[in-house]
Amino acid sequence: MSGSTVTHWKAERYVSILTVGAMMTAAVHPTLAVDHALAILVPLHTHWGLEQVFTDYIHIKPLIPIVGILLKVLTGFTMIALLYFNQHDIGITQAVKDVWNIKRVNPEELG
């Protein structure tokens, strides 16, 4: 492996560990800083995972750079949108808590 490959591999591992740590911290002590960390780490982790899937399964040469650009744009947009959501709305942690606390409505009770 070349030096840049090893560095990238290590960076992926560090981001994975930091993502797990940020998720555990968010569950125990949610803060805006933790939400911002999640807004960066989760899309970055997902970006690298999808990049590997595309590398392994897209073999049409003209599509490779297009898909790469689209993935970068989508990742950047996702990070910006999550940071905005954290700053101007309830944040990632509270949104997940709210989703987990949604009560199922029995249709007979609506009647």
PDB file of N, CA and C in Angstrom:
ATOM      1  N   MET A   1       0.841  -1.189   0.000  1.00  0.00           N
ATOM      2  CA  MET A   1       0.000   0.000   0.000  1.00  0.00           C
ATOM      3  C   MET A   1       0.877   1.239   0.000  1.00  0.00           C
ATOM      4  N   SER A   2       0.420   2.251  -0.719  1.00  0.00           N
ATOM      5  CA  SER A   2       1.169   3.496  -0.746  1.00  0.00           C
ATOM      6  C   SER A   2       0.890   4.293   0.526  1.00  0.00           C
ATOM      7  N   GLY A   3       1.694   5.321   0.759  1.00  0.00           N
ATOM      8  CA  GLY A   3       1.542   6.135   1.963  1.00  0.00           C
ATOM      9  C   GLY A   3       0.194   6.816   2.052  1.00  0.00           C
ATOM     10  N   SER A   4      -0.310   7.330   0.919  1.00  0.00           N
ATOM     11  CA  SER A   4      -1.607   8.017   0.956  1.00  0.00           C
ATOM     12  C   SER A   4      -2.749   7.034   1.213  1.00  0.00           C
ATOM     13  N   THR A   5      -2.604   5.803   0.733  1.00  0.00           N
ATOM     14  CA  THR A   5      -3.627   4.782   0.984  1.00  0.00           C
ATOM     15  C   THR A   5      -3.677   4.429   2.457  1.00  0.00           C
ATOM     16  N   VAL A   6      -2.519   4.287   3.074  1.00  0.00           N
ATOM     17  CA  VAL A   6      -2.458   3.969   4.505  1.00  0.00           C
ATOM     18  C   VAL A   6      -3.037   5.121   5.318  1.00  0.00           C
ATOM     19  N   THR A   7      -2.689   6.344   4.947  1.00  0.00           N
ATOM     20  CA  THR A   7      -3.212   7.518   5.649  1.00  0.00           C
ATOM     21  C   THR A   7      -4.729   7.586   5.528  1.00  0.00           C
ATOM     22  N   HIS A   8      -5.252   7.347   4.326  1.00  0.00           N
ATOM     23  CA  HIS A   8      -6.702   7.366   4.117  1.00  0.00           C
ATOM     24  C   HIS A   8      -7.372   6.254   4.929  1.00  0.00           C
ATOM     25  N   TRP A   9      -6.771   5.071   4.939  1.00  0.00           N
ATOM     26  CA  TRP A   9      -7.324   3.949   5.697  1.00  0.00           C
ATOM     27  C   TRP A   9      -7.378   4.300   7.184  1.00  0.00           C
ATOM     28  N   LYS A  10      -6.301   4.900   7.695  1.00  0.00           N
ATOM     29  CA  LYS A  10      -6.288   5.305   9.106  1.00  0.00           C
ATOM     30  C   LYS A  10      -7.352   6.370   9.373  1.00  0.00           C
ATOM     31  N   ALA A  11      -7.487   7.327   8.471  1.00  0.00           N
ATOM     32  CA  ALA A  11      -8.493   8.379   8.632  1.00  0.00           C
ATOM     33  C   ALA A  11      -9.895   7.782   8.685  1.00  0.00           C
ATOM     34  N   GLU A  12     -10.168   6.800   7.835  1.00  0.00           N
ATOM     35  CA  GLU A  12     -11.477   6.132   7.861  1.00  0.00           C
ATOM     36  C   GLU A  12     -11.719   5.469   9.215  1.00  0.00           C
ATOM     37  N   ARG A  13     -10.709   4.835   9.765  1.00  0.00           N
ATOM     38  CA  ARG A  13     -10.853   4.164  11.059  1.00  0.00           C
ATOM     39  C   ARG A  13     -11.083   5.175  12.173  1.00  0.00           C
ATOM     40  N   TYR A  14     -10.334   6.284  12.137  1.00  0.00           N
ATOM     41  CA  TYR A  14     -10.503   7.325  13.153  1.00  0.00           C
ATOM     42  C   TYR A  14     -11.904   7.931  13.085  1.00  0.00           C
ATOM     43  N   VAL A  15     -12.378   8.181  11.877  1.00  0.00           N
ATOM     44  CA  VAL A  15     -13.725   8.743  11.727  1.00  0.00           C
ATOM     45  C   VAL A  15     -14.770   7.757  12.241  1.00  0.00           C
ATOM     46  N   SER A  16     -14.571   6.470  11.976  1.00  0.00           N
ATOM     47  CA  SER A  16     -15.507   5.457  12.482  1.00  0.00           C
ATOM     48  C   SER A  16     -15.548   5.461  14.000  1.00  0.00           C
ATOM     49  N   ILE A  17     -14.382   5.490  14.619  1.00  0.00           N
ATOM     50  CA  ILE A  17     -14.308   5.491  16.087  1.00  0.00           C
ATOM     51  C   ILE A  17     -14.920   6.774  16.649  1.00  0.00           C
ATOM     52  N   LEU A  18     -14.600   7.904  16.045  1.00  0.00           N
ATOM     53  CA  LEU A  18     -15.165   9.167  16.503  1.00  0.00           C
ATOM     54  C   LEU A  18     -16.676   9.209  16.334  1.00  0.00           C
ATOM     55  N   THR A  19     -17.183   8.605  15.260  1.00  0.00           N
ATOM     56  CA  THR A  19     -18.634   8.567  15.037  1.00  0.00           C
ATOM     57  C   THR A  19     -19.328   7.783  16.140  1.00  0.00           C
ATOM     58  N   VAL A  20     -18.781   6.626  16.472  1.00  0.00           N
ATOM     59  CA  VAL A  20     -19.363   5.827  17.553  1.00  0.00           C
ATOM     60  C   VAL A  20     -19.295   6.604  18.867  1.00  0.00           C
ATOM     61  N   GLY A  21     -18.167   7.221  19.134  1.00  0.00           N
ATOM     62  CA  GLY A  21     -18.033   8.017  20.357  1.00  0.00           C
ATOM     63  C   GLY A  21     -19.016   9.176  20.406  1.00  0.00           C
ATOM     64  N   ALA A  22     -19.193   9.859  19.283  1.00  0.00           N
ATOM     65  CA  ALA A  22     -20.140  10.978  19.235  1.00  0.00           C
ATOM     66  C   ALA A  22     -21.570  10.500  19.441  1.00  0.00           C
ATOM     67  N   MET A  23     -21.899   9.333  18.884  1.00  0.00           N
ATOM     68  CA  MET A  23     -23.257   8.802  19.077  1.00  0.00           C
ATOM     69  C   MET A  23     -23.500   8.438  20.540  1.00  0.00           C
ATOM     70  N   MET A  24     -22.514   7.832  21.174  1.00  0.00           N
ATOM     71  CA  MET A  24     -22.664   7.484  22.593  1.00  0.00           C
ATOM     72  C   MET A  24     -22.753   8.749  23.448  1.00  0.00           C
ATOM     73  N   THR A  25     -21.939   9.737  23.132  1.00  0.00           N
ATOM     74  CA  THR A  25     -21.983  10.996  23.873  1.00  0.00           C
ATOM     75  C   THR A  25     -23.331  11.683  23.683  1.00  0.00           C
ATOM     76  N   ALA A  26     -23.848  11.655  22.471  1.00  0.00           N
ATOM     77  CA  ALA A  26     -25.156  12.271  22.206  1.00  0.00           C
ATOM     78  C   ALA A  26     -26.255  11.609  23.025  1.00  0.00           C
ATOM     79  N   ALA A  27     -26.136  10.303  23.235  1.00  0.00           N
ATOM     80  CA  ALA A  27     -27.155   9.589  24.013  1.00  0.00           C
ATOM     81  C   ALA A  27     -27.079   9.954  25.492  1.00  0.00           C
ATOM     82  N   VAL A  28     -25.878  10.221  25.989  1.00  0.00           N
ATOM     83  CA  VAL A  28     -25.689  10.475  27.417  1.00  0.00           C
ATOM     84  C   VAL A  28     -25.722  11.966  27.737  1.00  0.00           C
ATOM     85  N   HIS A  29     -25.055  12.764  26.925  1.00  0.00           N
ATOM     86  CA  HIS A  29     -24.924  14.198  27.210  1.00  0.00           C
ATOM     87  C   HIS A  29     -25.011  14.984  25.899  1.00  0.00           C
ATOM     88  N   PRO A  30     -26.219  15.173  25.373  1.00  0.00           N
ATOM     89  CA  PRO A  30     -26.361  15.868  24.090  1.00  0.00           C
ATOM     90  C   PRO A  30     -26.033  17.358  24.213  1.00  0.00           C
ATOM     91  N   THR A  31     -25.224  17.835  23.295  1.00  0.00           N
ATOM     92  CA  THR A  31     -24.895  19.262  23.219  1.00  0.00           C
ATOM     93  C   THR A  31     -24.850  19.667  21.745  1.00  0.00           C
ATOM     94  N   LEU A  32     -24.798  20.964  21.526  1.00  0.00           N
ATOM     95  CA  LEU A  32     -24.695  21.461  20.159  1.00  0.00           C
ATOM     96  C   LEU A  32     -23.384  21.009  19.523  1.00  0.00           C
ATOM     97  N   ALA A  33     -22.319  20.967  20.311  1.00  0.00           N
ATOM     98  CA  ALA A  33     -21.020  20.533  19.782  1.00  0.00           C
ATOM     99  C   ALA A  33     -21.076  19.079  19.313  1.00  0.00           C
ATOM    100  N   VAL A  34     -21.752  18.232  20.064  1.00  0.00           N
ATOM    101  CA  VAL A  34     -21.884  16.824  19.677  1.00  0.00           C
ATOM    102  C   VAL A  34     -22.724  16.717  18.410  1.00  0.00           C
ATOM    103  N   ASP A  35     -23.795  17.489  18.328  1.00  0.00           N
ATOM    104  CA  ASP A  35     -24.624  17.489  17.116  1.00  0.00           C
ATOM    105  C   ASP A  35     -23.821  17.950  15.904  1.00  0.00           C
ATOM    106  N   HIS A  36     -22.986  18.971  16.092  1.00  0.00           N
ATOM    107  CA  HIS A  36     -22.141  19.438  14.982  1.00  0.00           C
ATOM    108  C   HIS A  36     -21.127  18.371  14.584  1.00  0.00           C
ATOM    109  N   ALA A  37     -20.566  17.677  15.564  1.00  0.00           N
ATOM    110  CA  ALA A  37     -19.629  16.588  15.241  1.00  0.00           C
ATOM    111  C   ALA A  37     -20.340  15.512  14.426  1.00  0.00           C
ATOM    112  N   LEU A  38     -21.556  15.158  14.830  1.00  0.00           N
ATOM    113  CA  LEU A  38     -22.328  14.159  14.079  1.00  0.00           C
ATOM    114  C   LEU A  38     -22.644  14.656  12.672  1.00  0.00           C
ATOM    115  N   ALA A  39     -22.913  15.951  12.543  1.00  0.00           N
ATOM    116  CA  ALA A  39     -23.241  16.528  11.230  1.00  0.00           C
ATOM    117  C   ALA A  39     -22.070  16.431  10.261  1.00  0.00           C
ATOM    118  N   ILE A  40     -20.866  16.354  10.766  1.00  0.00           N
ATOM    119  CA  ILE A  40     -19.686  16.204   9.917  1.00  0.00           C
ATOM    120  C   ILE A  40     -19.298  14.730   9.773  1.00  0.00           C
ATOM    121  N   LEU A  41     -19.266  14.006  10.889  1.00  0.00           N
ATOM    122  CA  LEU A  41     -18.750  12.634  10.888  1.00  0.00           C
ATOM    123  C   LEU A  41     -19.644  11.641  10.144  1.00  0.00           C
ATOM    124  N   VAL A  42     -20.941  11.707  10.357  1.00  0.00           N
ATOM    125  CA  VAL A  42     -21.839  10.723   9.731  1.00  0.00           C
ATOM    126  C   VAL A  42     -21.833  10.855   8.200  1.00  0.00           C
ATOM    127  N   PRO A  43     -21.995  12.069   7.641  1.00  0.00           N
ATOM    128  CA  PRO A  43     -21.906  12.155   6.172  1.00  0.00           C
ATOM    129  C   PRO A  43     -20.527  11.774   5.625  1.00  0.00           C
ATOM    130  N   LEU A  44     -19.456  12.114   6.347  1.00  0.00           N
ATOM    131  CA  LEU A  44     -18.118  11.751   5.891  1.00  0.00           C
ATOM    132  C   LEU A  44     -17.936  10.234   5.882  1.00  0.00           C
ATOM    133  N   HIS A  45     -18.381   9.591   6.943  1.00  0.00           N
ATOM    134  CA  HIS A  45     -18.312   8.128   7.020  1.00  0.00           C
ATOM    135  C   HIS A  45     -19.137   7.486   5.894  1.00  0.00           C
ATOM    136  N   THR A  46     -20.324   8.010   5.668  1.00  0.00           N
ATOM    137  CA  THR A  46     -21.195   7.505   4.607  1.00  0.00           C
ATOM    138  C   THR A  46     -20.570   7.757   3.231  1.00  0.00           C
ATOM    139  N   HIS A  47     -19.977   8.923   3.049  1.00  0.00           N
ATOM    140  CA  HIS A  47     -19.331   9.260   1.781  1.00  0.00           C
ATOM    141  C   HIS A  47     -18.254   8.240   1.437  1.00  0.00           C
ATOM    142  N   TRP A  48     -17.393   7.958   2.394  1.00  0.00           N
ATOM    143  CA  TRP A  48     -16.304   7.006   2.129  1.00  0.00           C
ATOM    144  C   TRP A  48     -16.841   5.606   1.852  1.00  0.00           C
ATOM    145  N   GLY A  49     -17.900   5.221   2.552  1.00  0.00           N
ATOM    146  CA  GLY A  49     -18.493   3.912   2.292  1.00  0.00           C
ATOM    147  C   GLY A  49     -19.093   3.821   0.900  1.00  0.00           C
ATOM    148  N   LEU A  50     -19.853   4.835   0.512  1.00  0.00           N
ATOM    149  CA  LEU A  50     -20.453   4.839  -0.827  1.00  0.00           C
ATOM    150  C   LEU A  50     -19.389   4.948  -1.910  1.00  0.00           C
ATOM    151  N   GLU A  51     -18.322   5.681  -1.630  1.00  0.00           N
ATOM    152  CA  GLU A  51     -17.229   5.797  -2.583  1.00  0.00           C
ATOM    153  C   GLU A  51     -16.626   4.420  -2.886  1.00  0.00           C
ATOM    154  N   GLN A  52     -16.497   3.584  -1.869  1.00  0.00           N
ATOM    155  CA  GLN A  52     -15.974   2.231  -2.072  1.00  0.00           C
ATOM    156  C   GLN A  52     -16.956   1.355  -2.850  1.00  0.00           C
ATOM    157  N   VAL A  53     -18.244   1.503  -2.554  1.00  0.00           N
ATOM    158  CA  VAL A  53     -19.251   0.746  -3.297  1.00  0.00           C
ATOM    159  C   VAL A  53     -19.195   1.132  -4.775  1.00  0.00           C
ATOM    160  N   PHE A  54     -19.133   2.435  -5.057  1.00  0.00           N
ATOM    161  CA  PHE A  54     -19.077   2.888  -6.445  1.00  0.00           C
ATOM    162  C   PHE A  54     -17.798   2.420  -7.124  1.00  0.00           C
ATOM    163  N   THR A  55     -16.687   2.467  -6.396  1.00  0.00           N
ATOM    164  CA  THR A  55     -15.408   2.007  -6.961  1.00  0.00           C
ATOM    165  C   THR A  55     -15.478   0.527  -7.324  1.00  0.00           C
ATOM    166  N   ASP A  56     -16.128  -0.253  -6.476  1.00  0.00           N
ATOM    167  CA  ASP A  56     -16.206  -1.694  -6.701  1.00  0.00           C
ATOM    168  C   ASP A  56     -17.206  -2.083  -7.787  1.00  0.00           C
ATOM    169  N   TYR A  57     -18.280  -1.292  -7.959  1.00  0.00           N
ATOM    170  CA  TYR A  57     -19.363  -1.764  -8.815  1.00  0.00           C
ATOM    171  C   TYR A  57     -19.651  -0.916 -10.045  1.00  0.00           C
ATOM    172  N   ILE A  58     -19.073   0.260 -10.171  1.00  0.00           N
ATOM    173  CA  ILE A  58     -19.293   1.057 -11.380  1.00  0.00           C
ATOM    174  C   ILE A  58     -18.082   0.872 -12.282  1.00  0.00           C
ATOM    175  N   HIS A  59     -18.305   0.243 -13.421  1.00  0.00           N
ATOM    176  CA  HIS A  59     -17.211  -0.061 -14.332  1.00  0.00           C
ATOM    177  C   HIS A  59     -17.356   0.636 -15.678  1.00  0.00           C
ATOM    178  N   ILE A  60     -18.297   1.545 -15.785  1.00  0.00           N
ATOM    179  CA  ILE A  60     -18.478   2.314 -17.020  1.00  0.00           C
ATOM    180  C   ILE A  60     -17.651   3.585 -16.875  1.00  0.00           C
ATOM    181  N   LYS A  61     -16.557   3.659 -17.604  1.00  0.00           N
ATOM    182  CA  LYS A  61     -15.559   4.727 -17.433  1.00  0.00           C
ATOM    183  C   LYS A  61     -16.140   6.145 -17.431  1.00  0.00           C
ATOM    184  N   PRO A  62     -17.036   6.496 -18.359  1.00  0.00           N
ATOM    185  CA  PRO A  62     -17.535   7.883 -18.352  1.00  0.00           C
ATOM    186  C   PRO A  62     -18.368   8.215 -17.107  1.00  0.00           C
ATOM    187  N   LEU A  63     -18.956   7.219 -16.469  1.00  0.00           N
ATOM    188  CA  LEU A  63     -19.787   7.473 -15.290  1.00  0.00           C
ATOM    189  C   LEU A  63     -18.977   7.726 -14.027  1.00  0.00           C
ATOM    190  N   ILE A  64     -17.774   7.198 -13.951  1.00  0.00           N
ATOM    191  CA  ILE A  64     -16.991   7.257 -12.721  1.00  0.00           C
ATOM    192  C   ILE A  64     -16.774   8.698 -12.241  1.00  0.00           C
ATOM    193  N   PRO A  65     -16.286   9.622 -13.080  1.00  0.00           N
ATOM    194  CA  PRO A  65     -16.099  10.989 -12.574  1.00  0.00           C
ATOM    195  C   PRO A  65     -17.411  11.703 -12.259  1.00  0.00           C
ATOM    196  N   ILE A  66     -18.452  11.403 -13.019  1.00  0.00           N
ATOM    197  CA  ILE A  66     -19.755  12.034 -12.777  1.00  0.00           C
ATOM    198  C   ILE A  66     -20.304  11.598 -11.428  1.00  0.00           C
ATOM    199  N   VAL A  67     -20.253  10.306 -11.159  1.00  0.00           N
ATOM    200  CA  VAL A  67     -20.743   9.785  -9.883  1.00  0.00           C
ATOM    201  C   VAL A  67     -19.911  10.336  -8.732  1.00  0.00           C
ATOM    202  N   GLY A  68     -18.601  10.457  -8.933  1.00  0.00           N
ATOM    203  CA  GLY A  68     -17.731  11.013  -7.901  1.00  0.00           C
ATOM    204  C   GLY A  68     -18.099  12.449  -7.561  1.00  0.00           C
ATOM    205  N   ILE A  69     -18.352  13.248  -8.581  1.00  0.00           N
ATOM    206  CA  ILE A  69     -18.734  14.647  -8.361  1.00  0.00           C
ATOM    207  C   ILE A  69     -20.087  14.722  -7.670  1.00  0.00           C
ATOM    208  N   LEU A  70     -21.048  13.931  -8.132  1.00  0.00           N
ATOM    209  CA  LEU A  70     -22.378  13.937  -7.509  1.00  0.00           C
ATOM    210  C   LEU A  70     -22.311  13.522  -6.042  1.00  0.00           C
ATOM    211  N   LEU A  71     -21.477  12.531  -5.734  1.00  0.00           N
ATOM    212  CA  LEU A  71     -21.330  12.086  -4.350  1.00  0.00           C
ATOM    213  C   LEU A  71     -20.724  13.190  -3.487  1.00  0.00           C
ATOM    214  N   LYS A  72     -19.732  13.893  -4.007  1.00  0.00           N
ATOM    215  CA  LYS A  72     -19.120  14.997  -3.259  1.00  0.00           C
ATOM    216  C   LYS A  72     -20.125  16.116  -3.013  1.00  0.00           C
ATOM    217  N   VAL A  73     -20.895  16.459  -4.034  1.00  0.00           N
ATOM    218  CA  VAL A  73     -21.905  17.506  -3.887  1.00  0.00           C
ATOM    219  C   VAL A  73     -22.954  17.083  -2.860  1.00  0.00           C
ATOM    220  N   LEU A  74     -23.430  15.847  -2.948  1.00  0.00           N
ATOM    221  CA  LEU A  74     -24.435  15.355  -2.009  1.00  0.00           C
ATOM    222  C   LEU A  74     -23.896  15.333  -0.581  1.00  0.00           C
ATOM    223  N   THR A  75     -22.656  14.902  -0.406  1.00  0.00           N
ATOM    224  CA  THR A  75     -22.051  14.873   0.926  1.00  0.00           C
ATOM    225  C   THR A  75     -21.914  16.284   1.486  1.00  0.00           C
ATOM    226  N   GLY A  76     -21.429  17.205   0.674  1.00  0.00           N
ATOM    227  CA  GLY A  76     -21.298  18.592   1.123  1.00  0.00           C
ATOM    228  C   GLY A  76     -22.641  19.202   1.480  1.00  0.00           C
ATOM    229  N   PHE A  77     -23.636  18.982   0.625  1.00  0.00           N
ATOM    230  CA  PHE A  77     -24.977  19.491   0.903  1.00  0.00           C
ATOM    231  C   PHE A  77     -25.536  18.903   2.199  1.00  0.00           C
ATOM    232  N   THR A  78     -25.325  17.611   2.413  1.00  0.00           N
ATOM    233  CA  THR A  78     -25.822  16.961   3.623  1.00  0.00           C
ATOM    234  C   THR A  78     -25.175  17.552   4.868  1.00  0.00           C
ATOM    235  N   MET A  79     -23.868  17.761   4.823  1.00  0.00           N
ATOM    236  CA  MET A  79     -23.177  18.362   5.977  1.00  0.00           C
ATOM    237  C   MET A  79     -23.718  19.760   6.270  1.00  0.00           C
ATOM    238  N   ILE A  80     -23.845  20.573   5.226  1.00  0.00           N
ATOM    239  CA  ILE A  80     -24.349  21.938   5.415  1.00  0.00           C
ATOM    240  C   ILE A  80     -25.777  21.923   5.940  1.00  0.00           C
ATOM    241  N   ALA A  81     -26.619  21.056   5.395  1.00  0.00           N
ATOM    242  CA  ALA A  81     -28.014  20.975   5.837  1.00  0.00           C
ATOM    243  C   ALA A  81     -28.109  20.537   7.298  1.00  0.00           C
ATOM    244  N   LEU A  82     -27.288  19.555   7.692  1.00  0.00           N
ATOM    245  CA  LEU A  82     -27.318  19.101   9.090  1.00  0.00           C
ATOM    246  C   LEU A  82     -26.785  20.170  10.036  1.00  0.00           C
ATOM    247  N   LEU A  83     -25.741  20.870   9.638  1.00  0.00           N
ATOM    248  CA  LEU A  83     -25.234  21.970  10.472  1.00  0.00           C
ATOM    249  C   LEU A  83     -26.286  23.064  10.617  1.00  0.00           C
ATOM    250  N   TYR A  84     -26.976  23.378   9.530  1.00  0.00           N
ATOM    251  CA  TYR A  84     -28.059  24.367   9.585  1.00  0.00           C
ATOM    252  C   TYR A  84     -29.180  23.881  10.509  1.00  0.00           C
ATOM    253  N   PHE A  85     -29.542  22.614  10.373  1.00  0.00           N
ATOM    254  CA  PHE A  85     -30.589  22.023  11.215  1.00  0.00           C
ATOM    255  C   PHE A  85     -30.198  22.097  12.686  1.00  0.00           C
ATOM    256  N   ASN A  86     -28.931  21.832  12.976  1.00  0.00           N
ATOM    257  CA  ASN A  86     -28.466  21.914  14.363  1.00  0.00           C
ATOM    258  C   ASN A  86     -28.544  23.341  14.891  1.00  0.00           C
ATOM    259  N   GLN A  87     -28.155  24.283  14.071  1.00  0.00           N
ATOM    260  CA  GLN A  87     -28.056  25.668  14.523  1.00  0.00           C
ATOM    261  C   GLN A  87     -29.418  26.351  14.604  1.00  0.00           C
ATOM    262  N   HIS A  88     -30.329  26.027  13.689  1.00  0.00           N
ATOM    263  CA  HIS A  88     -31.575  26.779  13.579  1.00  0.00           C
ATOM    264  C   HIS A  88     -32.829  25.981  13.914  1.00  0.00           C
ATOM    265  N   ASP A  89     -32.674  24.746  14.310  1.00  0.00           N
ATOM    266  CA  ASP A  89     -33.834  23.923  14.669  1.00  0.00           C
ATOM    267  C   ASP A  89     -33.479  23.111  15.909  1.00  0.00           C
ATOM    268  N   ILE A  90     -34.045  21.931  16.058  1.00  0.00           N
ATOM    269  CA  ILE A  90     -33.875  21.177  17.298  1.00  0.00           C
ATOM    270  C   ILE A  90     -32.579  20.380  17.357  1.00  0.00           C
ATOM    271  N   GLY A  91     -31.923  20.162  16.248  1.00  0.00           N
ATOM    272  CA  GLY A  91     -30.670  19.413  16.243  1.00  0.00           C
ATOM    273  C   GLY A  91     -30.879  17.928  16.014  1.00  0.00           C
ATOM    274  N   ILE A  92     -29.793  17.269  15.644  1.00  0.00           N
ATOM    275  CA  ILE A  92     -29.844  15.851  15.289  1.00  0.00           C
ATOM    276  C   ILE A  92     -30.276  14.992  16.478  1.00  0.00           C
ATOM    277  N   THR A  93     -29.646  15.210  17.632  1.00  0.00           N
ATOM    278  CA  THR A  93     -29.927  14.367  18.794  1.00  0.00           C
ATOM    279  C   THR A  93     -31.392  14.459  19.205  1.00  0.00           C
ATOM    280  N   GLN A  94     -31.913  15.669  19.302  1.00  0.00           N
ATOM    281  CA  GLN A  94     -33.310  15.831  19.700  1.00  0.00           C
ATOM    282  C   GLN A  94     -34.252  15.270  18.642  1.00  0.00           C
ATOM    283  N   ALA A  95     -33.911  15.399  17.382  1.00  0.00           N
ATOM    284  CA  ALA A  95     -34.746  14.846  16.312  1.00  0.00           C
ATOM    285  C   ALA A  95     -34.821  13.322  16.425  1.00  0.00           C
ATOM    286  N   VAL A  96     -33.685  12.694  16.690  1.00  0.00           N
ATOM    287  CA  VAL A  96     -33.689  11.226  16.858  1.00  0.00           C
ATOM    288  C   VAL A  96     -34.516  10.840  18.073  1.00  0.00           C
ATOM    289  N   LYS A  97     -34.366  11.568  19.173  1.00  0.00           N
ATOM    290  CA  LYS A  97     -35.174  11.287  20.371  1.00  0.00           C
ATOM    291  C   LYS A  97     -36.666  11.428  20.068  1.00  0.00           C
ATOM    292  N   ASP A  98     -37.024  12.480  19.342  1.00  0.00           N
ATOM    293  CA  ASP A  98     -38.437  12.695  19.005  1.00  0.00           C
ATOM    294  C   ASP A  98     -38.982  11.570  18.135  1.00  0.00           C
ATOM    295  N   VAL A  99     -38.190  11.111  17.182  1.00  0.00           N
ATOM    296  CA  VAL A  99     -38.635   9.999  16.326  1.00  0.00           C
ATOM    297  C   VAL A  99     -38.820   8.738  17.167  1.00  0.00           C
ATOM    298  N   TRP A 100     -37.900   8.475  18.068  1.00  0.00           N
ATOM    299  CA  TRP A 100     -38.001   7.291  18.919  1.00  0.00           C
ATOM    300  C   TRP A 100     -39.221   7.347  19.839  1.00  0.00           C
ATOM    301  N   ASN A 101     -39.685   8.547  20.171  1.00  0.00           N
ATOM    302  CA  ASN A 101     -40.807   8.704  21.096  1.00  0.00           C
ATOM    303  C   ASN A 101     -42.160   8.861  20.413  1.00  0.00           C
ATOM    304  N   ILE A 102     -42.202   8.694  19.103  1.00  0.00           N
ATOM    305  CA  ILE A 102     -43.485   8.769  18.395  1.00  0.00           C
ATOM    306  C   ILE A 102     -44.348   7.595  18.835  1.00  0.00           C
ATOM    307  N   LYS A 103     -45.542   7.919  19.237  1.00  0.00           N
ATOM    308  CA  LYS A 103     -46.481   6.877  19.682  1.00  0.00           C
ATOM    309  C   LYS A 103     -47.309   6.398  18.497  1.00  0.00           C
ATOM    310  N   ARG A 104     -47.505   5.111  18.458  1.00  0.00           N
ATOM    311  CA  ARG A 104     -48.335   4.547  17.396  1.00  0.00           C
ATOM    312  C   ARG A 104     -49.793   4.815  17.738  1.00  0.00           C
ATOM    313  N   VAL A 105     -50.538   5.320  16.769  1.00  0.00           N
ATOM    314  CA  VAL A 105     -51.940   5.645  16.990  1.00  0.00           C
ATOM    315  C   VAL A 105     -52.770   4.458  16.532  1.00  0.00           C
ATOM    316  N   ASN A 106     -53.649   4.006  17.401  1.00  0.00           N
ATOM    317  CA  ASN A 106     -54.574   2.936  17.062  1.00  0.00           C
ATOM    318  C   ASN A 106     -55.698   3.544  16.209  1.00  0.00           C
ATOM    319  N   PRO A 107     -55.938   3.007  15.004  1.00  0.00           N
ATOM    320  CA  PRO A 107     -56.968   3.596  14.119  1.00  0.00           C
ATOM    321  C   PRO A 107     -58.356   3.633  14.762  1.00  0.00           C
ATOM    322  N   GLU A 108     -58.629   2.703  15.662  1.00  0.00           N
ATOM    323  CA  GLU A 108     -59.959   2.677  16.314  1.00  0.00           C
ATOM    324  C   GLU A 108     -60.128   3.889  17.228  1.00  0.00           C
ATOM    325  N   GLU A 109     -59.037   4.411  17.766  1.00  0.00           N
ATOM    326  CA  GLU A 109     -59.133   5.572  18.650  1.00  0.00           C
ATOM    327  C   GLU A 109     -59.445   6.847  17.885  1.00  0.00           C
ATOM    328  N   LEU A 110     -59.148   6.871  16.602  1.00  0.00           N
ATOM    329  CA  LEU A 110     -59.395   8.048  15.789  1.00  0.00           C
ATOM    330  C   LEU A 110     -60.881   8.223  15.463  1.00  0.00           C
ATOM    331  N   GLY A 111     -61.594   7.105  15.422  1.00  0.00           N
ATOM    332  CA  GLY A 111     -62.945   6.984  14.968  1.00  0.00           C
ATOM    333  C   GLY A 111     -63.951   7.898  15.455  1.00  0.00           C
TER     334      GLY A 111
END
